[in-house]
Protein backbone atom coordinates (compact mmCIF):
# COMPACT_ATOMS: atom_id res chain seq x y z
CA UNK A 1 0.00 0.00 0.00
CA UNK A 2 1.40 3.41 -0.94
CA UNK A 3 2.12 5.85 1.91
CA UNK A 4 0.08 9.00 2.28
CA UNK A 5 1.49 12.43 1.37
CA UNK A 6 2.22 13.27 5.03
CA UNK A 7 4.17 10.04 5.57
CA UNK A 8 6.54 10.43 2.61
CA UNK A 9 10.22 9.94 3.51
CA UNK A 10 12.99 7.97 1.77
CA UNK A 11 12.71 5.05 4.20
CA UNK A 12 8.89 4.91 4.04
CA UNK A 13 9.01 5.11 0.25
CA UNK A 14 11.58 2.30 0.13
CA UNK A 15 9.49 0.05 2.38
CA UNK A 16 6.36 0.75 0.32
CA UNK A 17 8.05 0.19 -3.06
CA UNK A 18 7.50 -2.79 -5.35
CA UNK A 19 9.87 -5.74 -4.82
CA UNK A 20 11.67 -5.05 -8.15
CA UNK A 21 12.19 -1.40 -7.24
CA UNK A 22 13.45 -2.46 -3.80
CA UNK A 23 15.94 -4.83 -5.43
CA UNK A 24 17.17 -2.01 -7.69
CA UNK A 25 17.61 0.33 -4.72
CA UNK A 26 19.48 -2.29 -2.67
CA UNK A 27 21.75 -3.06 -5.62
CA UNK A 28 22.52 0.62 -6.11
CA UNK A 29 23.21 1.08 -2.40
CA UNK A 30 25.65 -1.86 -2.55
CA UNK A 31 27.31 -0.31 -5.63
CA UNK A 32 27.72 2.95 -3.73
CA UNK A 33 29.29 1.07 -0.81
CA UNK A 34 31.73 -0.58 -3.24
CA UNK A 35 32.67 2.84 -4.64
CA UNK A 36 33.67 4.18 -1.23
CA UNK A 37 35.46 0.93 -0.37
CA UNK A 38 37.54 1.20 -3.55
CA UNK A 39 38.26 4.86 -2.74
CA UNK A 40 39.70 3.99 0.67
CA UNK A 41 41.60 0.89 -0.49
CA UNK A 42 43.10 2.50 -3.62
CA UNK A 43 44.03 5.70 -1.76
CA UNK A 44 46.01 3.70 0.79
CA UNK A 45 47.56 1.45 -1.88
CA UNK A 46 48.69 4.32 -4.14
CA UNK A 47 49.94 6.41 -1.25
CA UNK A 48 52.04 3.54 0.14
CA UNK A 49 53.35 2.50 -3.30
CA UNK A 50 54.32 6.05 -4.27
CA UNK A 51 55.99 6.67 -0.91
CA UNK A 52 58.03 3.46 -1.12
CA UNK A 53 59.14 4.13 -4.69
CA UNK A 54 60.17 7.73 -3.96
CA UNK A 55 62.13 6.53 -0.93
CA UNK A 56 63.84 3.81 -3.00
CA UNK A 57 64.80 6.29 -5.73
CA UNK A 58 66.39 8.58 -3.12
CA UNK A 59 68.38 5.66 -1.71
CA UNK A 60 69.96 4.79 -5.06
CA UNK A 61 70.49 8.39 -6.20
CA UNK A 62 74.24 8.17 -5.44
CA UNK A 63 74.71 4.52 -6.46
CA UNK A 64 77.35 4.01 -9.16
CA UNK A 65 76.42 0.44 -10.13
CA UNK A 66 73.56 -2.04 -10.05
CA UNK A 67 75.26 -3.92 -7.19
CA UNK A 68 75.58 -0.71 -5.12
CA UNK A 69 71.93 0.09 -5.76
CA UNK A 70 70.86 -3.36 -4.61
CA UNK A 71 72.96 -3.01 -1.46
CA UNK A 72 71.39 0.40 -0.78
CA UNK A 73 67.89 -1.08 -1.03
CA UNK A 74 68.69 -4.26 0.90
CA UNK A 75 66.31 -7.20 0.65
CA UNK A 76 63.19 -5.06 0.17
CA UNK A 77 60.56 -6.07 -2.37
CA UNK A 78 59.15 -3.54 -4.81
CA UNK A 79 59.11 -2.24 -8.34
CA UNK A 80 62.63 -0.72 -8.26
CA UNK A 81 64.30 -3.90 -6.92
CA UNK A 82 62.50 -5.75 -9.75
CA UNK A 83 64.08 -3.42 -12.32
CA UNK A 84 67.52 -3.86 -10.77
CA UNK A 85 67.15 -7.63 -10.64
CA UNK A 86 66.06 -7.73 -14.30
CA UNK A 87 69.05 -5.62 -15.33
CA UNK A 88 71.51 -7.78 -13.39
CA UNK A 89 69.95 -10.95 -14.76
CA UNK A 90 70.28 -9.71 -18.34
CA UNK A 91 73.88 -8.60 -17.76
CA UNK A 92 74.73 -12.01 -16.30
CA UNK A 93 73.00 -13.97 -19.06
CA UNK A 94 74.68 -11.83 -21.72
CA UNK A 95 78.18 -12.25 -20.28
CA UNK A 96 80.70 -12.73 -23.09
CA UNK A 97 78.59 -10.89 -25.67
CA UNK A 98 80.18 -7.79 -27.12
CA UNK A 99 76.99 -5.97 -28.18
CA UNK A 100 76.06 -3.47 -25.49
CA UNK A 101 73.15 -2.27 -27.61
CA UNK A 102 71.70 -5.79 -27.62
CA UNK A 103 72.02 -6.09 -23.84
CA UNK A 104 70.33 -2.71 -23.30
CA UNK A 105 67.56 -3.60 -25.75
CA UNK A 106 66.83 -6.90 -24.00
CA UNK A 107 66.91 -5.20 -20.59
CA UNK A 108 64.52 -2.51 -21.88
CA UNK A 109 62.16 -5.26 -23.04
CA UNK A 110 62.21 -6.78 -19.54
CA UNK A 111 61.57 -3.35 -18.03
CA UNK A 112 58.53 -2.84 -20.29
CA UNK A 113 57.06 -6.16 -19.13
CA UNK A 114 57.52 -5.11 -15.50
CA UNK A 115 55.93 -1.71 -16.18
CA UNK A 116 52.91 -3.30 -17.91
CA UNK A 117 52.44 -5.77 -15.06
CA UNK A 118 52.62 -2.93 -12.51
CA UNK A 119 50.13 -0.85 -14.53
CA UNK A 120 47.66 -3.77 -14.57
CA UNK A 121 48.12 -4.30 -10.84
CA UNK A 122 47.69 -0.67 -9.86
CA UNK A 123 44.53 -0.29 -11.98
CA UNK A 124 42.72 -3.17 -10.26
CA UNK A 125 39.43 -1.80 -8.92
CA UNK A 126 39.16 1.06 -11.39
CA UNK A 127 37.07 -1.06 -13.74
CA UNK A 128 34.51 -1.42 -10.95
CA UNK A 129 34.31 2.38 -10.63
CA UNK A 130 33.89 2.80 -14.39
CA UNK A 131 31.12 0.20 -14.47
CA UNK A 132 29.26 1.73 -11.53
CA UNK A 133 29.60 5.24 -12.94
CA UNK A 134 28.29 4.28 -16.36
CA UNK A 135 25.50 1.85 -15.45
CA UNK A 136 24.02 3.13 -12.17
CA UNK A 137 21.88 5.90 -13.76
CA UNK A 138 20.37 3.38 -16.18
CA UNK A 139 19.71 0.84 -13.41
CA UNK A 140 18.02 3.59 -11.40
CA UNK A 141 16.01 4.61 -14.45
CA UNK A 142 14.86 1.01 -14.89
CA UNK A 143 13.60 1.06 -11.28
CA UNK A 144 11.82 4.34 -11.93
CA UNK A 145 10.14 3.10 -15.12
CA UNK A 146 9.04 -0.09 -13.37
CA UNK A 147 7.68 1.86 -10.40
CA UNK A 148 5.80 4.37 -12.55
CA UNK A 149 4.34 1.53 -14.59
CA UNK A 150 3.02 -0.07 -11.38
CA UNK A 151 1.69 3.32 -10.25
CA UNK A 152 -0.29 3.71 -13.45
CA UNK A 153 -1.66 0.19 -13.02
CA UNK A 154 -2.72 1.17 -9.48
CA UNK A 155 -4.34 4.36 -10.77
CA UNK A 156 -6.25 2.35 -13.34
CA UNK A 157 -7.50 -0.06 -10.69
CA UNK A 158 -8.51 2.68 -8.24
CA UNK A 159 -10.07 4.72 -11.06
CA UNK A 160 -8.94 8.01 -9.56
CA UNK A 161 -6.42 10.71 -10.48
CA UNK A 162 -6.36 12.30 -7.02
CA UNK A 163 -2.82 13.66 -6.42
CA UNK A 164 -2.78 12.24 -2.89
CA UNK A 165 -3.20 8.77 -4.40
CA UNK A 166 -0.93 9.18 -7.45
CA UNK A 167 2.03 11.10 -5.97
CA UNK A 168 3.35 8.54 -3.44
CA UNK A 169 3.76 5.79 -6.04
CA UNK A 170 5.55 8.12 -8.46
CA UNK A 171 7.77 9.43 -5.65
CA UNK A 172 8.77 5.85 -4.79
CA UNK A 173 9.70 5.28 -8.42
CA UNK A 174 11.74 8.48 -8.70
CA UNK A 175 13.68 7.51 -5.57
CA UNK A 176 15.36 4.74 -7.60
CA UNK A 177 16.74 7.28 -10.10
CA UNK A 178 17.93 9.50 -7.25
CA UNK A 179 19.82 6.59 -5.66
CA UNK A 180 21.27 5.71 -9.09
CA UNK A 181 22.68 9.24 -9.41
CA UNK A 182 23.99 9.14 -5.84
CA UNK A 183 25.89 5.96 -6.76
CA UNK A 184 27.08 7.14 -10.19
CA UNK A 185 28.31 10.69 -9.55
CA UNK A 186 30.89 9.84 -6.84
CA UNK A 187 32.04 6.81 -8.88
CA UNK A 188 32.80 9.01 -11.90
CA UNK A 189 34.57 11.65 -9.80
CA UNK A 190 36.64 9.04 -7.94
CA UNK A 191 37.50 7.24 -11.20
CA UNK A 192 38.79 10.49 -12.74
CA UNK A 193 40.78 11.23 -9.57
CA UNK A 194 42.44 7.82 -9.61
CA UNK A 195 43.17 8.13 -13.34
CA UNK A 196 45.27 11.22 -12.54
CA UNK A 197 46.92 9.66 -9.48
CA UNK A 198 47.68 6.42 -11.34
CA UNK A 199 49.24 8.37 -14.21
CA UNK A 200 51.52 10.17 -11.74
CA UNK A 201 52.51 6.87 -10.14
CA UNK A 202 53.29 5.26 -13.51
CA UNK A 203 55.49 8.27 -14.35
CA UNK A 204 57.37 7.49 -11.14
CA UNK A 205 57.68 3.86 -12.28
CA UNK A 206 59.15 5.10 -15.58
CA UNK A 207 61.71 7.11 -13.60
CA UNK A 208 62.66 3.93 -11.75
CA UNK A 209 63.01 2.10 -15.06
CA UNK A 210 65.25 4.87 -16.38
CA UNK A 211 67.40 4.79 -13.24
CA UNK A 212 67.96 1.03 -13.62
CA UNK A 213 68.79 1.46 -17.32
CA UNK A 214 71.39 4.14 -16.52
CA UNK A 215 73.04 1.95 -13.89
CA UNK A 216 73.19 -0.94 -16.36
CA UNK A 217 74.78 1.33 -18.97
CA UNK A 218 77.40 2.47 -16.45
CA UNK A 219 78.20 -1.12 -15.52
CA UNK A 220 78.66 -2.05 -19.18
CA UNK A 221 80.89 0.95 -19.86
CA UNK A 222 82.88 0.22 -16.72
CA UNK A 223 83.41 -3.43 -17.69
CA UNK A 224 84.67 -2.40 -21.13
CA UNK A 225 86.96 0.15 -19.53
CA UNK A 226 88.43 -2.58 -17.32
CA UNK A 227 89.00 -4.83 -20.35
CA UNK A 228 90.78 -2.03 -22.24
CA UNK A 229 92.96 -1.26 -19.21
CA UNK A 230 94.05 -4.89 -18.91
CA UNK A 231 94.74 -5.04 -22.63
CA UNK A 232 96.93 -1.92 -22.43
CA UNK A 233 98.98 -3.50 -19.67
C-alpha cells in the first residue's frame, strides 16, 4: 500500500516500493558502498606504493652500479628492486657478448614487461568504478520506469487521479533514479581522480626504469673500460 502524502520519507518510500524497485535500490546502495570501499583501499595502496618508490629512488640516487643500488635497497621487495634484478639478470645472461646495444635492448624489453604488469596491478578496482559510474543511472532509471508503470496500473485499478493517491507511487519510483545518481556521480569523480593519481605513479615507475637502465649502462661501460685497461697492460 502506498504511503500517504504526510508520511513520505525515503525510508517509508523504500518500504512501500515494489519488490523489483526495492531490489534495484538495494543493488545501487551496494554499488555505492563498493565505490567508497575502492576509494579507501586505492588511496592507501597508491599512497604507500608512491611513498616506497620515492624513498627507493632517493636511496639509489648516489649509487654508481647495479650492485651498489641493490645493497642500498637491501632485501626489500618492490618495483625498483625488480628493475635492478632484471638488469643484473640480463647482464649475467649476456656475459661474453660484445653488443652493449643488444644487452640494453633486452633489458629494456624486460623493463617494459615489469611496467605493464605494474600498470595492470595498480589499476585493479578502477574497472569497478567505471562500471558503476556508467551503469548506475540506467539501473536507477529502470527502477523508476518499473515503479511508474506499477503506479499507473494502481491508478487504473482505483479509477482516480487524485494527487494524494498518485504522488506517493511516483515518488517511490523516482527515488530509484535519485539513488542511481547518488551511486554514479561519486564513482565518476573518484574514477577520474584515480586516473590522474595512477598516471603520476606510472610516471614514477618510468623514472625507476630509467634509473635502472642508466646503472646498467654504467656497468657495461665500466666493464669495457676494465678490459681495455688490462689489454693496455
